[in-house]
Amino acid sequence: MDAGASFEKELGNLEKVVALLERGDLGLDDAIRQFESGHRSLDFCRRALEEARRRIEILAGPGPAVSGGPAESGQAGPASSIGSAEWRPLDFPGGSSQEDPDGSCQGTSG
């Protein structure tokens, strides 16, 4: 990656290019130059995000394989790669739960 570039700088450039192109008042040559600049910024940002993802995976270490995660579904999101397990108390015989396994809190008034 370019030593003088940063993700934030390139993302800002990409946003600027998109705004300029959306206005629609550039000539063809200027629009093409802006598009090329935006494409370079987009490539830089993608590489930076991929590198960040790899670094996070290394730091997080191996985890349980979760099928249907973002890599398989094409979806992204901060919680989507954490796993889909939902916490809930276990039910024990007699109607008590893991939160109150012996039922000592039932029927008490405060």
C-alpha atoms as a PDB file:
ATOM      1  CA  MET A   1       0.000   0.000   0.000  1.00  0.00           C
ATOM      2  CA  ASP A   2       1.056   3.573  -0.577  1.00  0.00           C
ATOM      3  CA  ALA A   3       3.128   4.830   2.367  1.00  0.00           C
ATOM      4  CA  GLY A   4       1.647   8.339   2.221  1.00  0.00           C
ATOM      5  CA  ALA A   5      -1.957   7.200   2.067  1.00  0.00           C
ATOM      6  CA  SER A   6      -4.264   6.337   4.914  1.00  0.00           C
ATOM      7  CA  PHE A   7      -7.633   4.631   4.955  1.00  0.00           C
ATOM      8  CA  GLU A   8      -9.354   7.791   6.182  1.00  0.00           C
ATOM      9  CA  LYS A   9      -7.694   9.967   3.528  1.00  0.00           C
ATOM     10  CA  GLU A  10      -8.588   7.586   0.717  1.00  0.00           C
ATOM     11  CA  LEU A  11     -12.138   7.129   1.985  1.00  0.00           C
ATOM     12  CA  GLY A  12     -12.526  10.917   2.068  1.00  0.00           C
ATOM     13  CA  ASN A  13     -11.228  11.141  -1.500  1.00  0.00           C
ATOM     14  CA  LEU A  14     -13.673   8.443  -2.593  1.00  0.00           C
ATOM     15  CA  GLU A  15     -16.585  10.311  -0.988  1.00  0.00           C
ATOM     16  CA  LYS A  16     -15.489  13.521  -2.723  1.00  0.00           C
ATOM     17  CA  VAL A  17     -15.280  11.785  -6.093  1.00  0.00           C
ATOM     18  CA  VAL A  18     -18.723  10.236  -5.659  1.00  0.00           C
ATOM     19  CA  ALA A  19     -20.208  13.657  -4.818  1.00  0.00           C
ATOM     20  CA  LEU A  20     -18.537  15.258  -7.851  1.00  0.00           C
ATOM     21  CA  LEU A  21     -19.730  12.536 -10.199  1.00  0.00           C
ATOM     22  CA  GLU A  22     -23.252  12.569  -8.762  1.00  0.00           C
ATOM     23  CA  ARG A  23     -23.527  16.312  -9.434  1.00  0.00           C
ATOM     24  CA  GLY A  24     -23.175  15.501 -13.118  1.00  0.00           C
ATOM     25  CA  ASP A  25     -21.637  18.812 -14.185  1.00  0.00           C
ATOM     26  CA  LEU A  26     -18.122  17.561 -15.059  1.00  0.00           C
ATOM     27  CA  GLY A  27     -16.937  17.234 -18.614  1.00  0.00           C
ATOM     28  CA  LEU A  28     -16.165  13.775 -19.917  1.00  0.00           C
ATOM     29  CA  ASP A  29     -12.391  14.015 -19.453  1.00  0.00           C
ATOM     30  CA  ASP A  30     -12.713  15.381 -15.910  1.00  0.00           C
ATOM     31  CA  ALA A  31     -15.321  12.763 -15.045  1.00  0.00           C
ATOM     32  CA  ILE A  32     -13.024   9.984 -16.277  1.00  0.00           C
ATOM     33  CA  ARG A  33     -10.092  11.377 -14.270  1.00  0.00           C
ATOM     34  CA  GLN A  34     -12.266  11.564 -11.162  1.00  0.00           C
ATOM     35  CA  PHE A  35     -13.545   8.041 -11.756  1.00  0.00           C
ATOM     36  CA  GLU A  36      -9.967   6.741 -12.045  1.00  0.00           C
ATOM     37  CA  SER A  37      -9.011   8.545  -8.847  1.00  0.00           C
ATOM     38  CA  GLY A  38     -12.022   7.100  -7.060  1.00  0.00           C
ATOM     39  CA  HIS A  39     -11.226   3.630  -8.338  1.00  0.00           C
ATOM     40  CA  ARG A  40      -7.683   3.869  -6.943  1.00  0.00           C
ATOM     41  CA  SER A  41      -9.074   5.028  -3.590  1.00  0.00           C
ATOM     42  CA  LEU A  42     -11.607   2.211  -3.581  1.00  0.00           C
ATOM     43  CA  ASP A  43      -8.884  -0.370  -4.268  1.00  0.00           C
ATOM     44  CA  PHE A  44      -6.743   1.083  -1.467  1.00  0.00           C
ATOM     45  CA  CYS A  45      -9.657   0.972   0.998  1.00  0.00           C
ATOM     46  CA  ARG A  46     -10.514  -2.613   0.075  1.00  0.00           C
ATOM     47  CA  ARG A  47      -6.910  -3.716   0.586  1.00  0.00           C
ATOM     48  CA  ALA A  48      -6.711  -1.857   3.904  1.00  0.00           C
ATOM     49  CA  LEU A  49      -9.946  -3.442   5.150  1.00  0.00           C
ATOM     50  CA  GLU A  50      -8.815  -6.903   4.057  1.00  0.00           C
ATOM     51  CA  GLU A  51      -5.500  -6.428   5.884  1.00  0.00           C
ATOM     52  CA  ALA A  52      -7.349  -5.247   9.004  1.00  0.00           C
ATOM     53  CA  ARG A  53      -9.634  -8.296   8.822  1.00  0.00           C
ATOM     54  CA  ARG A  54      -6.615 -10.619   8.582  1.00  0.00           C
ATOM     55  CA  ARG A  55      -4.924  -8.925  11.548  1.00  0.00           C
ATOM     56  CA  ILE A  56      -8.086  -9.240  13.655  1.00  0.00           C
ATOM     57  CA  GLU A  57      -8.398 -12.925  12.766  1.00  0.00           C
ATOM     58  CA  ILE A  58      -4.798 -13.485  13.856  1.00  0.00           C
ATOM     59  CA  LEU A  59      -5.352 -11.630  17.141  1.00  0.00           C
ATOM     60  CA  ALA A  60      -8.647 -13.375  17.842  1.00  0.00           C
ATOM     61  CA  GLY A  61      -7.156 -16.785  17.175  1.00  0.00           C
ATOM     62  CA  PRO A  62      -8.990 -19.795  15.883  1.00  0.00           C
ATOM     63  CA  GLY A  63     -12.607 -20.000  16.849  1.00  0.00           C
ATOM     64  CA  PRO A  64     -15.447 -22.398  16.263  1.00  0.00           C
ATOM     65  CA  ALA A  65     -16.466 -22.767  12.644  1.00  0.00           C
ATOM     66  CA  VAL A  66     -19.843 -21.148  12.074  1.00  0.00           C
ATOM     67  CA  SER A  67     -21.571 -22.039   8.841  1.00  0.00           C
ATOM     68  CA  GLY A  68     -23.588 -19.356   7.124  1.00  0.00           C
ATOM     69  CA  GLY A  69     -21.301 -16.581   8.350  1.00  0.00           C
ATOM     70  CA  PRO A  70     -20.438 -13.474   6.329  1.00  0.00           C
ATOM     71  CA  ALA A  71     -17.961 -15.277   4.061  1.00  0.00           C
ATOM     72  CA  GLU A  72     -20.592 -17.787   2.977  1.00  0.00           C
ATOM     73  CA  SER A  73     -23.643 -15.537   2.896  1.00  0.00           C
ATOM     74  CA  GLY A  74     -22.021 -12.453   1.381  1.00  0.00           C
ATOM     75  CA  GLN A  75     -23.303 -10.383   4.289  1.00  0.00           C
ATOM     76  CA  ALA A  76     -21.135  -8.299   6.530  1.00  0.00           C
ATOM     77  CA  GLY A  77     -21.601  -6.869   9.954  1.00  0.00           C
ATOM     78  CA  PRO A  78     -19.669  -6.603  13.170  1.00  0.00           C
ATOM     79  CA  ALA A  79     -21.711  -9.210  15.041  1.00  0.00           C
ATOM     80  CA  SER A  80     -22.217 -11.601  12.141  1.00  0.00           C
ATOM     81  CA  SER A  81     -18.783 -13.186  12.494  1.00  0.00           C
ATOM     82  CA  ILE A  82     -18.975 -13.575  16.288  1.00  0.00           C
ATOM     83  CA  GLY A  83     -21.442 -16.437  16.125  1.00  0.00           C
ATOM     84  CA  SER A  84     -25.128 -16.955  16.294  1.00  0.00           C
ATOM     85  CA  ALA A  85     -25.440 -18.685  19.671  1.00  0.00           C
ATOM     86  CA  GLU A  86     -28.024 -17.119  21.928  1.00  0.00           C
ATOM     87  CA  TRP A  87     -27.693 -17.310  25.709  1.00  0.00           C
ATOM     88  CA  ARG A  88     -30.603 -18.691  27.645  1.00  0.00           C
ATOM     89  CA  PRO A  89     -30.862 -20.341  31.061  1.00  0.00           C
ATOM     90  CA  LEU A  90     -31.010 -24.114  31.184  1.00  0.00           C
ATOM     91  CA  ASP A  91     -34.188 -25.729  32.426  1.00  0.00           C
ATOM     92  CA  PHE A  92     -33.775 -28.195  35.269  1.00  0.00           C
ATOM     93  CA  PRO A  93     -36.281 -30.735  36.537  1.00  0.00           C
ATOM     94  CA  GLY A  94     -38.773 -29.155  38.901  1.00  0.00           C
ATOM     95  CA  GLY A  95     -39.126 -25.920  36.955  1.00  0.00           C
ATOM     96  CA  SER A  96     -36.041 -24.129  38.241  1.00  0.00           C
ATOM     97  CA  SER A  97     -33.441 -22.630  35.943  1.00  0.00           C
ATOM     98  CA  GLN A  98     -29.691 -22.202  35.910  1.00  0.00           C
ATOM     99  CA  GLU A  99     -30.201 -18.747  37.369  1.00  0.00           C
ATOM    100  CA  ASP A 100     -31.881 -20.249  40.475  1.00  0.00           C
ATOM    101  CA  PRO A 101     -31.016 -23.963  40.363  1.00  0.00           C
ATOM    102  CA  ASP A 102     -32.347 -24.884  43.830  1.00  0.00           C
ATOM    103  CA  GLY A 103     -35.457 -22.686  43.642  1.00  0.00           C
ATOM    104  CA  SER A 104     -34.523 -20.786  46.792  1.00  0.00           C
ATOM    105  CA  CYS A 105     -35.552 -17.449  45.314  1.00  0.00           C
ATOM    106  CA  GLN A 106     -39.079 -18.589  44.461  1.00  0.00           C
ATOM    107  CA  GLY A 107     -41.829 -17.396  46.720  1.00  0.00           C
ATOM    108  CA  THR A 108     -39.767 -14.820  48.585  1.00  0.00           C
ATOM    109  CA  SER A 109     -41.156 -11.353  48.994  1.00  0.00           C
ATOM    110  CA  GLY A 110     -39.194  -8.226  49.414  1.00  0.00           C
END
